[in-house]
Amino acid sequence: MQKLLVAAIAAVVLVLGAAVPALAIQTQSWEERRIATEAFDAAAETALEASADSATATQLLDDARESAEPVLEDARAVAASAPGYFNSSVLDPLVTAVADLEATVAVEAPDGLAMPETERPESVEELRAGVEPLSEWTDAETERAAGVTQVASDLSEATEHAQDALLALAETVEAEASGALAAAPLATPESRAAVEAARDAVVAAIEDGPLSDAVAAYAGAVAALRSSQQAAADAAAAAERSSSYDRDQLQLELRNMMRDLFGYSPEDCVDLPDGTYACGGVP
């Protein structure tokens, strides 16, 4: 019986002895898989975070472009209609701001590559092989997101500058209108009233926007005011010339009459200080 027990124990020992190396190999395989899995999962998680940051940056840029478009349209139209009706001290900064905003709007966001597969593969070799592409993509995408964010920031800043320049110009409309009215004293009451109404519309548009239509209408009203002033000035000058011609013609006719009646020659007639003349000493 004792011999049988010893033999059984020996058999168990032999079995366990053969199983230990296999267990060690299996344990090592599990550890390698665990390490590879954790490395892959960490790389995949970081890549997904970078993708989310990139999406946020892209949305910022989209929002900045959406905000810039109406400001650029409004500022560009005002810059086109304002010359000659607003002072260069406010017009020049607007023109510069429009050019800057146009250039910034034209800047394209940097392109990125497609994100590698983040679904966990089966084999240890695939797990290990998948870490490096994910890490490289994450670095590149993080840099790209920073570039997109910078473009969005630059665009928002250029939009703000254009908006400020636009408002600065519009806020001078009252002074500009006063100067235009003072320079046109002969203009018709209707043209003067039109300038005042257009001025008030620009002031209202400063709060309500957009400004382009109101500024264009103001420029048109001032142009009409100046035309009215010029027409009145031309009419007054023409009347003056006509009056002077009539007076000279009358004097010539009187001189001819004196010559015919009394035989005076033109040399016998002299101009007097009061605008009349005398022939042969007879006024």
C-alpha atoms as a PDB file:
ATOM      1  CA  MET A   1       0.000   0.000   0.000  1.00  0.00           C
ATOM      2  CA  GLN A   2       2.807   2.323   0.903  1.00  0.00           C
ATOM      3  CA  LYS A   3       4.462   1.616  -2.414  1.00  0.00           C
ATOM      4  CA  LEU A   4       1.298   2.514  -4.243  1.00  0.00           C
ATOM      5  CA  LEU A   5       1.021   5.796  -2.365  1.00  0.00           C
ATOM      6  CA  VAL A   6       4.602   6.705  -3.159  1.00  0.00           C
ATOM      7  CA  ALA A   7       4.046   5.896  -6.809  1.00  0.00           C
ATOM      8  CA  ALA A   8       0.947   8.077  -6.902  1.00  0.00           C
ATOM      9  CA  ILE A   9       2.758  10.975  -5.302  1.00  0.00           C
ATOM     10  CA  ALA A  10       5.585  10.591  -7.746  1.00  0.00           C
ATOM     11  CA  ALA A  11       3.124  10.677 -10.623  1.00  0.00           C
ATOM     12  CA  VAL A  12       1.534  13.849  -9.319  1.00  0.00           C
ATOM     13  CA  VAL A  13       4.925  15.456  -8.927  1.00  0.00           C
ATOM     14  CA  LEU A  14       5.802  14.536 -12.461  1.00  0.00           C
ATOM     15  CA  VAL A  15       2.559  16.042 -13.754  1.00  0.00           C
ATOM     16  CA  LEU A  16       3.001  19.241 -11.774  1.00  0.00           C
ATOM     17  CA  GLY A  17       6.567  19.481 -12.864  1.00  0.00           C
ATOM     18  CA  ALA A  18       5.536  19.342 -16.474  1.00  0.00           C
ATOM     19  CA  ALA A  19       2.687  21.892 -15.920  1.00  0.00           C
ATOM     20  CA  VAL A  20       4.761  24.609 -14.253  1.00  0.00           C
ATOM     21  CA  PRO A  21       6.671  25.678 -17.394  1.00  0.00           C
ATOM     22  CA  ALA A  22       3.441  25.725 -19.392  1.00  0.00           C
ATOM     23  CA  LEU A  23       1.749  27.853 -16.707  1.00  0.00           C
ATOM     24  CA  ALA A  24       4.684  30.235 -16.695  1.00  0.00           C
ATOM     25  CA  ILE A  25       4.505  30.591 -20.454  1.00  0.00           C
ATOM     26  CA  GLN A  26       0.767  31.204 -20.267  1.00  0.00           C
ATOM     27  CA  THR A  27       1.205  33.779 -17.511  1.00  0.00           C
ATOM     28  CA  GLN A  28       3.828  35.600 -19.565  1.00  0.00           C
ATOM     29  CA  SER A  29       1.472  35.636 -22.560  1.00  0.00           C
ATOM     30  CA  TRP A  30      -1.324  37.116 -20.461  1.00  0.00           C
ATOM     31  CA  GLU A  31       1.024  39.796 -19.136  1.00  0.00           C
ATOM     32  CA  GLU A  32       2.182  40.696 -22.615  1.00  0.00           C
ATOM     33  CA  ARG A  33      -1.407  40.973 -23.803  1.00  0.00           C
ATOM     34  CA  ARG A  34      -2.332  43.109 -20.815  1.00  0.00           C
ATOM     35  CA  ILE A  35       0.544  45.507 -21.435  1.00  0.00           C
ATOM     36  CA  ALA A  36      -0.143  45.675 -25.169  1.00  0.00           C
ATOM     37  CA  THR A  37      -3.862  46.185 -24.575  1.00  0.00           C
ATOM     38  CA  GLU A  38      -3.311  48.991 -22.081  1.00  0.00           C
ATOM     39  CA  ALA A  39      -0.867  50.728 -24.428  1.00  0.00           C
ATOM     40  CA  PHE A  40      -3.281  50.484 -27.358  1.00  0.00           C
ATOM     41  CA  ASP A  41      -6.269  51.626 -25.309  1.00  0.00           C
ATOM     42  CA  ALA A  42      -4.330  54.628 -24.003  1.00  0.00           C
ATOM     43  CA  ALA A  43      -3.237  55.590 -27.517  1.00  0.00           C
ATOM     44  CA  ALA A  44      -6.781  55.173 -28.806  1.00  0.00           C
ATOM     45  CA  GLU A  45      -8.243  57.268 -25.985  1.00  0.00           C
ATOM     46  CA  THR A  46      -5.726  60.053 -26.595  1.00  0.00           C
ATOM     47  CA  ALA A  47      -6.502  59.975 -30.301  1.00  0.00           C
ATOM     48  CA  LEU A  48     -10.230  60.272 -29.608  1.00  0.00           C
ATOM     49  CA  GLU A  49      -9.594  63.244 -27.324  1.00  0.00           C
ATOM     50  CA  ALA A  50      -7.508  64.888 -30.051  1.00  0.00           C
ATOM     51  CA  SER A  51     -10.325  64.260 -32.509  1.00  0.00           C
ATOM     52  CA  ALA A  52     -12.809  65.935 -30.146  1.00  0.00           C
ATOM     53  CA  ASP A  53     -10.492  68.940 -29.715  1.00  0.00           C
ATOM     54  CA  SER A  54     -10.156  69.163 -33.484  1.00  0.00           C
ATOM     55  CA  ALA A  55     -13.936  69.122 -33.897  1.00  0.00           C
ATOM     56  CA  THR A  56     -14.225  71.938 -31.345  1.00  0.00           C
ATOM     57  CA  ALA A  57     -11.623  73.987 -33.208  1.00  0.00           C
ATOM     58  CA  THR A  58     -13.428  73.405 -36.500  1.00  0.00           C
ATOM     59  CA  GLN A  59     -16.704  74.563 -34.960  1.00  0.00           C
ATOM     60  CA  LEU A  60     -14.981  77.699 -33.667  1.00  0.00           C
ATOM     61  CA  LEU A  61     -13.751  78.440 -37.169  1.00  0.00           C
ATOM     62  CA  ASP A  62     -17.183  77.812 -38.671  1.00  0.00           C
ATOM     63  CA  ASP A  63     -18.740  80.190 -36.148  1.00  0.00           C
ATOM     64  CA  ALA A  64     -16.061  82.822 -36.848  1.00  0.00           C
ATOM     65  CA  ARG A  65     -16.689  82.595 -40.590  1.00  0.00           C
ATOM     66  CA  GLU A  66     -20.431  82.886 -40.071  1.00  0.00           C
ATOM     67  CA  SER A  67     -19.933  86.010 -37.953  1.00  0.00           C
ATOM     68  CA  ALA A  68     -17.441  87.532 -40.387  1.00  0.00           C
ATOM     69  CA  GLU A  69     -19.552  87.260 -43.543  1.00  0.00           C
ATOM     70  CA  PRO A  70     -22.243  89.891 -42.747  1.00  0.00           C
ATOM     71  CA  VAL A  71     -19.677  92.282 -41.249  1.00  0.00           C
ATOM     72  CA  LEU A  72     -17.470  92.003 -44.316  1.00  0.00           C
ATOM     73  CA  GLU A  73     -20.409  92.545 -46.664  1.00  0.00           C
ATOM     74  CA  ASP A  74     -21.595  95.587 -44.715  1.00  0.00           C
ATOM     75  CA  ALA A  75     -18.133  97.119 -44.278  1.00  0.00           C
ATOM     76  CA  ARG A  76     -17.181  96.551 -47.912  1.00  0.00           C
ATOM     77  CA  ALA A  77     -20.348  98.291 -49.141  1.00  0.00           C
ATOM     78  CA  VAL A  78     -19.874 101.244 -46.786  1.00  0.00           C
ATOM     79  CA  ALA A  79     -16.226 101.616 -47.811  1.00  0.00           C
ATOM     80  CA  ALA A  80     -17.382 101.787 -51.438  1.00  0.00           C
ATOM     81  CA  SER A  81     -20.111 104.414 -50.946  1.00  0.00           C
ATOM     82  CA  ALA A  82     -18.500 106.637 -48.292  1.00  0.00           C
ATOM     83  CA  PRO A  83     -15.629 108.296 -50.254  1.00  0.00           C
ATOM     84  CA  GLY A  84     -16.356 111.969 -50.740  1.00  0.00           C
ATOM     85  CA  TYR A  85     -18.954 112.024 -47.971  1.00  0.00           C
ATOM     86  CA  PHE A  86     -16.911 111.023 -44.907  1.00  0.00           C
ATOM     87  CA  ASN A  87     -13.536 112.216 -43.663  1.00  0.00           C
ATOM     88  CA  SER A  88     -10.471 110.183 -44.621  1.00  0.00           C
ATOM     89  CA  SER A  89      -9.507 109.906 -40.948  1.00  0.00           C
ATOM     90  CA  VAL A  90     -12.367 107.428 -40.449  1.00  0.00           C
ATOM     91  CA  LEU A  91     -12.620 106.131 -44.005  1.00  0.00           C
ATOM     92  CA  ASP A  92      -9.001 105.006 -44.366  1.00  0.00           C
ATOM     93  CA  PRO A  93      -9.072 102.753 -41.264  1.00  0.00           C
ATOM     94  CA  LEU A  94     -12.264 101.154 -42.569  1.00  0.00           C
ATOM     95  CA  VAL A  95     -10.708 100.451 -45.965  1.00  0.00           C
ATOM     96  CA  THR A  96      -7.697  98.884 -44.232  1.00  0.00           C
ATOM     97  CA  ALA A  97      -9.900  96.803 -41.942  1.00  0.00           C
ATOM     98  CA  VAL A  98     -11.922  95.524 -44.905  1.00  0.00           C
ATOM     99  CA  ALA A  99      -8.742  94.471 -46.714  1.00  0.00           C
ATOM    100  CA  ASP A 100      -7.468  92.687 -43.602  1.00  0.00           C
ATOM    101  CA  LEU A 101     -10.763  90.896 -43.091  1.00  0.00           C
ATOM    102  CA  GLU A 102     -10.907  89.816 -46.730  1.00  0.00           C
ATOM    103  CA  ALA A 103      -7.393  88.378 -46.449  1.00  0.00           C
ATOM    104  CA  THR A 104      -8.201  86.567 -43.200  1.00  0.00           C
ATOM    105  CA  VAL A 105     -11.435  85.101 -44.554  1.00  0.00           C
ATOM    106  CA  ALA A 106      -9.445  83.681 -47.464  1.00  0.00           C
ATOM    107  CA  VAL A 107      -7.113  81.738 -45.141  1.00  0.00           C
ATOM    108  CA  GLU A 108      -7.809  78.009 -45.387  1.00  0.00           C
ATOM    109  CA  ALA A 109      -7.720  75.747 -42.330  1.00  0.00           C
ATOM    110  CA  PRO A 110      -4.925  73.142 -42.428  1.00  0.00           C
ATOM    111  CA  ASP A 111      -6.030  69.729 -43.637  1.00  0.00           C
ATOM    112  CA  GLY A 112      -5.701  66.598 -41.531  1.00  0.00           C
ATOM    113  CA  LEU A 113      -5.386  62.867 -42.126  1.00  0.00           C
ATOM    114  CA  ALA A 114      -8.000  60.246 -41.340  1.00  0.00           C
ATOM    115  CA  MET A 115      -7.765  58.862 -37.835  1.00  0.00           C
ATOM    116  CA  PRO A 116      -6.395  55.294 -37.602  1.00  0.00           C
ATOM    117  CA  GLU A 117      -8.636  52.513 -36.367  1.00  0.00           C
ATOM    118  CA  THR A 118      -9.320  52.791 -32.639  1.00  0.00           C
ATOM    119  CA  GLU A 119     -11.178  49.488 -32.263  1.00  0.00           C
ATOM    120  CA  ARG A 120      -9.036  47.079 -30.289  1.00  0.00           C
ATOM    121  CA  PRO A 121      -7.512  44.296 -32.472  1.00  0.00           C
ATOM    122  CA  GLU A 122      -7.267  40.674 -31.427  1.00  0.00           C
ATOM    123  CA  SER A 123      -3.601  39.726 -31.522  1.00  0.00           C
ATOM    124  CA  VAL A 124      -0.802  41.083 -29.372  1.00  0.00           C
ATOM    125  CA  GLU A 125       1.179  41.889 -32.493  1.00  0.00           C
ATOM    126  CA  GLU A 126      -1.687  43.996 -33.896  1.00  0.00           C
ATOM    127  CA  LEU A 127      -2.131  45.714 -30.544  1.00  0.00           C
ATOM    128  CA  ARG A 128       1.525  46.666 -30.463  1.00  0.00           C
ATOM    129  CA  ALA A 129       1.562  47.700 -34.113  1.00  0.00           C
ATOM    130  CA  GLY A 130      -1.476  49.941 -33.665  1.00  0.00           C
ATOM    131  CA  VAL A 131       0.037  52.174 -30.967  1.00  0.00           C
ATOM    132  CA  GLU A 132       2.544  54.098 -33.074  1.00  0.00           C
ATOM    133  CA  PRO A 133       0.128  55.165 -35.870  1.00  0.00           C
ATOM    134  CA  LEU A 134      -2.355  56.370 -33.271  1.00  0.00           C
ATOM    135  CA  SER A 135       0.319  58.325 -31.395  1.00  0.00           C
ATOM    136  CA  GLU A 136       1.668  59.932 -34.569  1.00  0.00           C
ATOM    137  CA  TRP A 137      -1.817  60.856 -35.723  1.00  0.00           C
ATOM    138  CA  THR A 138      -2.628  62.336 -32.306  1.00  0.00           C
ATOM    139  CA  ASP A 139       0.451  64.571 -32.409  1.00  0.00           C
ATOM    140  CA  ALA A 140      -0.335  65.749 -35.937  1.00  0.00           C
ATOM    141  CA  GLU A 141      -4.016  66.320 -35.202  1.00  0.00           C
ATOM    142  CA  THR A 142      -3.250  68.233 -32.008  1.00  0.00           C
ATOM    143  CA  GLU A 143      -0.988  70.536 -34.011  1.00  0.00           C
ATOM    144  CA  ARG A 144      -3.634  70.899 -36.713  1.00  0.00           C
ATOM    145  CA  ALA A 145      -6.322  71.761 -34.148  1.00  0.00           C
ATOM    146  CA  ALA A 146      -4.067  74.474 -32.762  1.00  0.00           C
ATOM    147  CA  GLY A 147      -3.668  75.867 -36.279  1.00  0.00           C
ATOM    148  CA  VAL A 148      -7.418  75.863 -36.862  1.00  0.00           C
ATOM    149  CA  THR A 149      -7.972  77.581 -33.535  1.00  0.00           C
ATOM    150  CA  GLN A 150      -5.456  80.271 -34.505  1.00  0.00           C
ATOM    151  CA  VAL A 151      -7.218  80.878 -37.823  1.00  0.00           C
ATOM    152  CA  ALA A 152     -10.528  81.215 -35.967  1.00  0.00           C
ATOM    153  CA  SER A 153      -8.962  83.633 -33.480  1.00  0.00           C
ATOM    154  CA  ASP A 154      -7.419  85.754 -36.238  1.00  0.00           C
ATOM    155  CA  LEU A 155     -10.723  85.854 -38.081  1.00  0.00           C
ATOM    156  CA  SER A 156     -12.656  86.908 -34.989  1.00  0.00           C
ATOM    157  CA  GLU A 157     -10.121  89.662 -34.321  1.00  0.00           C
ATOM    158  CA  ALA A 158     -10.256  90.939 -37.921  1.00  0.00           C
ATOM    159  CA  THR A 159     -14.057  90.904 -37.789  1.00  0.00           C
ATOM    160  CA  GLU A 160     -14.043  92.925 -34.589  1.00  0.00           C
ATOM    161  CA  HIS A 161     -11.656  95.485 -36.091  1.00  0.00           C
ATOM    162  CA  ALA A 162     -13.839  95.871 -39.186  1.00  0.00           C
ATOM    163  CA  GLN A 163     -16.949  96.268 -37.056  1.00  0.00           C
ATOM    164  CA  ASP A 164     -15.250  98.894 -34.891  1.00  0.00           C
ATOM    165  CA  ALA A 165     -14.044 100.823 -37.946  1.00  0.00           C
ATOM    166  CA  LEU A 166     -17.511 100.648 -39.468  1.00  0.00           C
ATOM    167  CA  LEU A 167     -19.147 102.058 -36.356  1.00  0.00           C
ATOM    168  CA  ALA A 168     -16.465 104.733 -35.959  1.00  0.00           C
ATOM    169  CA  LEU A 169     -17.243 106.021 -39.446  1.00  0.00           C
ATOM    170  CA  ALA A 170     -21.003 105.956 -38.943  1.00  0.00           C
ATOM    171  CA  GLU A 171     -20.737 107.827 -35.645  1.00  0.00           C
ATOM    172  CA  THR A 172     -19.316 110.870 -37.484  1.00  0.00           C
ATOM    173  CA  VAL A 173     -22.391 111.255 -39.664  1.00  0.00           C
ATOM    174  CA  GLU A 174     -23.916 114.048 -37.590  1.00  0.00           C
ATOM    175  CA  ALA A 175     -20.806 116.207 -37.878  1.00  0.00           C
ATOM    176  CA  GLU A 176     -20.488 115.350 -41.562  1.00  0.00           C
ATOM    177  CA  ALA A 177     -24.123 116.255 -42.213  1.00  0.00           C
ATOM    178  CA  SER A 178     -23.760 119.579 -40.378  1.00  0.00           C
ATOM    179  CA  GLY A 179     -20.765 120.443 -42.530  1.00  0.00           C
ATOM    180  CA  ALA A 180     -22.548 119.457 -45.728  1.00  0.00           C
ATOM    181  CA  LEU A 181     -25.592 121.570 -44.852  1.00  0.00           C
ATOM    182  CA  ALA A 182     -23.450 124.560 -43.894  1.00  0.00           C
ATOM    183  CA  ALA A 183     -21.683 124.361 -47.252  1.00  0.00           C
ATOM    184  CA  ALA A 184     -24.973 124.439 -49.180  1.00  0.00           C
ATOM    185  CA  PRO A 185     -26.919 127.543 -48.072  1.00  0.00           C
ATOM    186  CA  LEU A 186     -28.589 127.919 -51.484  1.00  0.00           C
ATOM    187  CA  ALA A 187     -29.815 124.313 -51.703  1.00  0.00           C
ATOM    188  CA  THR A 188     -33.539 123.661 -51.780  1.00  0.00           C
ATOM    189  CA  PRO A 189     -35.386 122.973 -48.507  1.00  0.00           C
ATOM    190  CA  GLU A 190     -36.319 119.557 -49.845  1.00  0.00           C
ATOM    191  CA  SER A 191     -32.697 118.550 -50.417  1.00  0.00           C
ATOM    192  CA  ARG A 192     -31.710 119.822 -46.975  1.00  0.00           C
ATOM    193  CA  ALA A 193     -34.534 117.860 -45.344  1.00  0.00           C
ATOM    194  CA  ALA A 194     -33.474 114.735 -47.228  1.00  0.00           C
ATOM    195  CA  VAL A 195     -29.941 114.990 -45.806  1.00  0.00           C
ATOM    196  CA  GLU A 196     -31.302 115.375 -42.294  1.00  0.00           C
ATOM    197  CA  ALA A 197     -33.536 112.317 -42.710  1.00  0.00           C
ATOM    198  CA  ALA A 198     -30.698 110.259 -44.161  1.00  0.00           C
ATOM    199  CA  ARG A 199     -28.439 111.332 -41.291  1.00  0.00           C
ATOM    200  CA  ASP A 200     -31.017 110.150 -38.763  1.00  0.00           C
ATOM    201  CA  ALA A 201     -31.318 106.819 -40.579  1.00  0.00           C
ATOM    202  CA  VAL A 202     -27.559 106.250 -40.275  1.00  0.00           C
ATOM    203  CA  VAL A 203     -27.698 107.040 -36.546  1.00  0.00           C
ATOM    204  CA  ALA A 204     -30.525 104.518 -36.131  1.00  0.00           C
ATOM    205  CA  ALA A 205     -28.615 101.891 -38.101  1.00  0.00           C
ATOM    206  CA  ILE A 206     -25.675 102.151 -35.695  1.00  0.00           C
ATOM    207  CA  GLU A 207     -27.849 100.302 -33.193  1.00  0.00           C
ATOM    208  CA  ASP A 208     -29.958  98.181 -35.510  1.00  0.00           C
ATOM    209  CA  GLY A 209     -27.628  97.568 -38.496  1.00  0.00           C
ATOM    210  CA  PRO A 210     -26.690  96.927 -41.182  1.00  0.00           C
ATOM    211  CA  LEU A 211     -25.184 100.278 -42.117  1.00  0.00           C
ATOM    212  CA  SER A 212     -24.563  99.897 -45.840  1.00  0.00           C
ATOM    213  CA  ASP A 213     -28.029 100.885 -47.060  1.00  0.00           C
ATOM    214  CA  ALA A 214     -28.270 103.856 -44.692  1.00  0.00           C
ATOM    215  CA  VAL A 215     -24.798 105.157 -45.586  1.00  0.00           C
ATOM    216  CA  ALA A 216     -25.498 104.773 -49.311  1.00  0.00           C
ATOM    217  CA  ALA A 217     -28.767 106.694 -48.899  1.00  0.00           C
ATOM    218  CA  TYR A 218     -26.953 109.406 -46.946  1.00  0.00           C
ATOM    219  CA  ALA A 219     -24.300 109.702 -49.658  1.00  0.00           C
ATOM    220  CA  GLY A 220     -27.044 110.029 -52.262  1.00  0.00           C
ATOM    221  CA  ALA A 221     -28.814 112.719 -50.246  1.00  0.00           C
ATOM    222  CA  VAL A 222     -25.608 114.742 -49.844  1.00  0.00           C
ATOM    223  CA  ALA A 223     -24.893 114.401 -53.555  1.00  0.00           C
ATOM    224  CA  ALA A 224     -28.372 115.760 -54.301  1.00  0.00           C
ATOM    225  CA  LEU A 225     -27.818 118.571 -51.809  1.00  0.00           C
ATOM    226  CA  ARG A 226     -24.582 119.562 -53.508  1.00  0.00           C
ATOM    227  CA  SER A 227     -26.252 119.446 -56.915  1.00  0.00           C
ATOM    228  CA  SER A 228     -29.027 121.692 -55.638  1.00  0.00           C
ATOM    229  CA  GLN A 229     -26.472 124.125 -54.225  1.00  0.00           C
ATOM    230  CA  GLN A 230     -24.545 124.151 -57.495  1.00  0.00           C
ATOM    231  CA  ALA A 231     -27.691 124.677 -59.525  1.00  0.00           C
ATOM    232  CA  ALA A 232     -28.691 127.634 -57.342  1.00  0.00           C
ATOM    233  CA  ALA A 233     -25.195 129.105 -57.549  1.00  0.00           C
ATOM    234  CA  ASP A 234     -25.150 128.691 -61.316  1.00  0.00           C
ATOM    235  CA  ALA A 235     -28.543 130.362 -61.596  1.00  0.00           C
ATOM    236  CA  ALA A 236     -27.415 133.300 -59.470  1.00  0.00           C
ATOM    237  CA  ALA A 237     -24.256 133.699 -61.539  1.00  0.00           C
ATOM    238  CA  ALA A 238     -26.279 133.571 -64.737  1.00  0.00           C
ATOM    239  CA  ALA A 239     -28.658 136.213 -63.411  1.00  0.00           C
ATOM    240  CA  GLU A 240     -25.728 138.403 -62.478  1.00  0.00           C
ATOM    241  CA  ARG A 241     -24.213 138.037 -65.917  1.00  0.00           C
ATOM    242  CA  SER A 242     -27.572 138.823 -67.536  1.00  0.00           C
ATOM    243  CA  SER A 243     -28.015 141.926 -65.375  1.00  0.00           C
ATOM    244  CA  SER A 244     -24.534 143.137 -66.225  1.00  0.00           C
ATOM    245  CA  TYR A 245     -25.156 142.525 -69.926  1.00  0.00           C
ATOM    246  CA  ASP A 246     -28.456 144.443 -69.804  1.00  0.00           C
ATOM    247  CA  ARG A 247     -26.807 147.422 -68.082  1.00  0.00           C
ATOM    248  CA  ASP A 248     -23.923 147.528 -70.567  1.00  0.00           C
ATOM    249  CA  GLN A 249     -26.327 147.221 -73.462  1.00  0.00           C
ATOM    250  CA  LEU A 250     -28.473 150.053 -72.127  1.00  0.00           C
ATOM    251  CA  GLN A 251     -25.456 152.324 -71.769  1.00  0.00           C
ATOM    252  CA  LEU A 252     -24.387 151.543 -75.311  1.00  0.00           C
ATOM    253  CA  GLU A 253     -27.806 152.338 -76.640  1.00  0.00           C
ATOM    254  CA  LEU A 254     -27.885 155.636 -74.692  1.00  0.00           C
ATOM    255  CA  ARG A 255     -24.481 156.586 -76.051  1.00  0.00           C
ATOM    256  CA  ASN A 256     -25.664 155.894 -79.558  1.00  0.00           C
ATOM    257  CA  MET A 257     -28.737 158.016 -78.877  1.00  0.00           C
ATOM    258  CA  MET A 258     -26.582 160.905 -77.616  1.00  0.00           C
ATOM    259  CA  ARG A 259     -24.452 160.601 -80.695  1.00  0.00           C
ATOM    260  CA  ASP A 260     -27.472 160.642 -82.960  1.00  0.00           C
ATOM    261  CA  LEU A 261     -29.159 163.531 -81.161  1.00  0.00           C
ATOM    262  CA  PHE A 262     -26.208 165.766 -80.366  1.00  0.00           C
ATOM    263  CA  GLY A 263     -23.481 164.513 -82.646  1.00  0.00           C
ATOM    264  CA  TYR A 264     -21.212 163.321 -79.824  1.00  0.00           C
ATOM    265  CA  SER A 265     -18.622 160.749 -80.674  1.00  0.00           C
ATOM    266  CA  PRO A 266     -17.696 157.908 -78.265  1.00  0.00           C
ATOM    267  CA  GLU A 267     -14.501 159.784 -77.410  1.00  0.00           C
ATOM    268  CA  ASP A 268     -16.617 162.617 -76.016  1.00  0.00           C
ATOM    269  CA  CYS A 269     -18.264 160.248 -73.476  1.00  0.00           C
ATOM    270  CA  VAL A 270     -16.639 159.325 -70.130  1.00  0.00           C
ATOM    271  CA  ASP A 271     -17.678 156.909 -67.351  1.00  0.00           C
ATOM    272  CA  LEU A 272     -18.628 158.512 -64.042  1.00  0.00           C
ATOM    273  CA  PRO A 273     -17.881 157.034 -60.565  1.00  0.00           C
ATOM    274  CA  ASP A 274     -21.548 156.311 -59.927  1.00  0.00           C
ATOM    275  CA  GLY A 275     -21.727 153.954 -62.945  1.00  0.00           C
ATOM    276  CA  THR A 276     -23.286 156.455 -65.333  1.00  0.00           C
ATOM    277  CA  TYR A 277     -21.463 158.462 -67.983  1.00  0.00           C
ATOM    278  CA  ALA A 278     -21.440 161.931 -69.528  1.00  0.00           C
ATOM    279  CA  CYS A 279     -21.030 163.067 -73.092  1.00  0.00           C
ATOM    280  CA  GLY A 280     -19.690 166.513 -73.838  1.00  0.00           C
ATOM    281  CA  GLY A 281     -20.059 167.317 -70.143  1.00  0.00           C
ATOM    282  CA  VAL A 282     -23.747 166.365 -70.185  1.00  0.00           C
ATOM    283  CA  PRO A 283     -24.547 163.391 -67.872  1.00  0.00           C
END
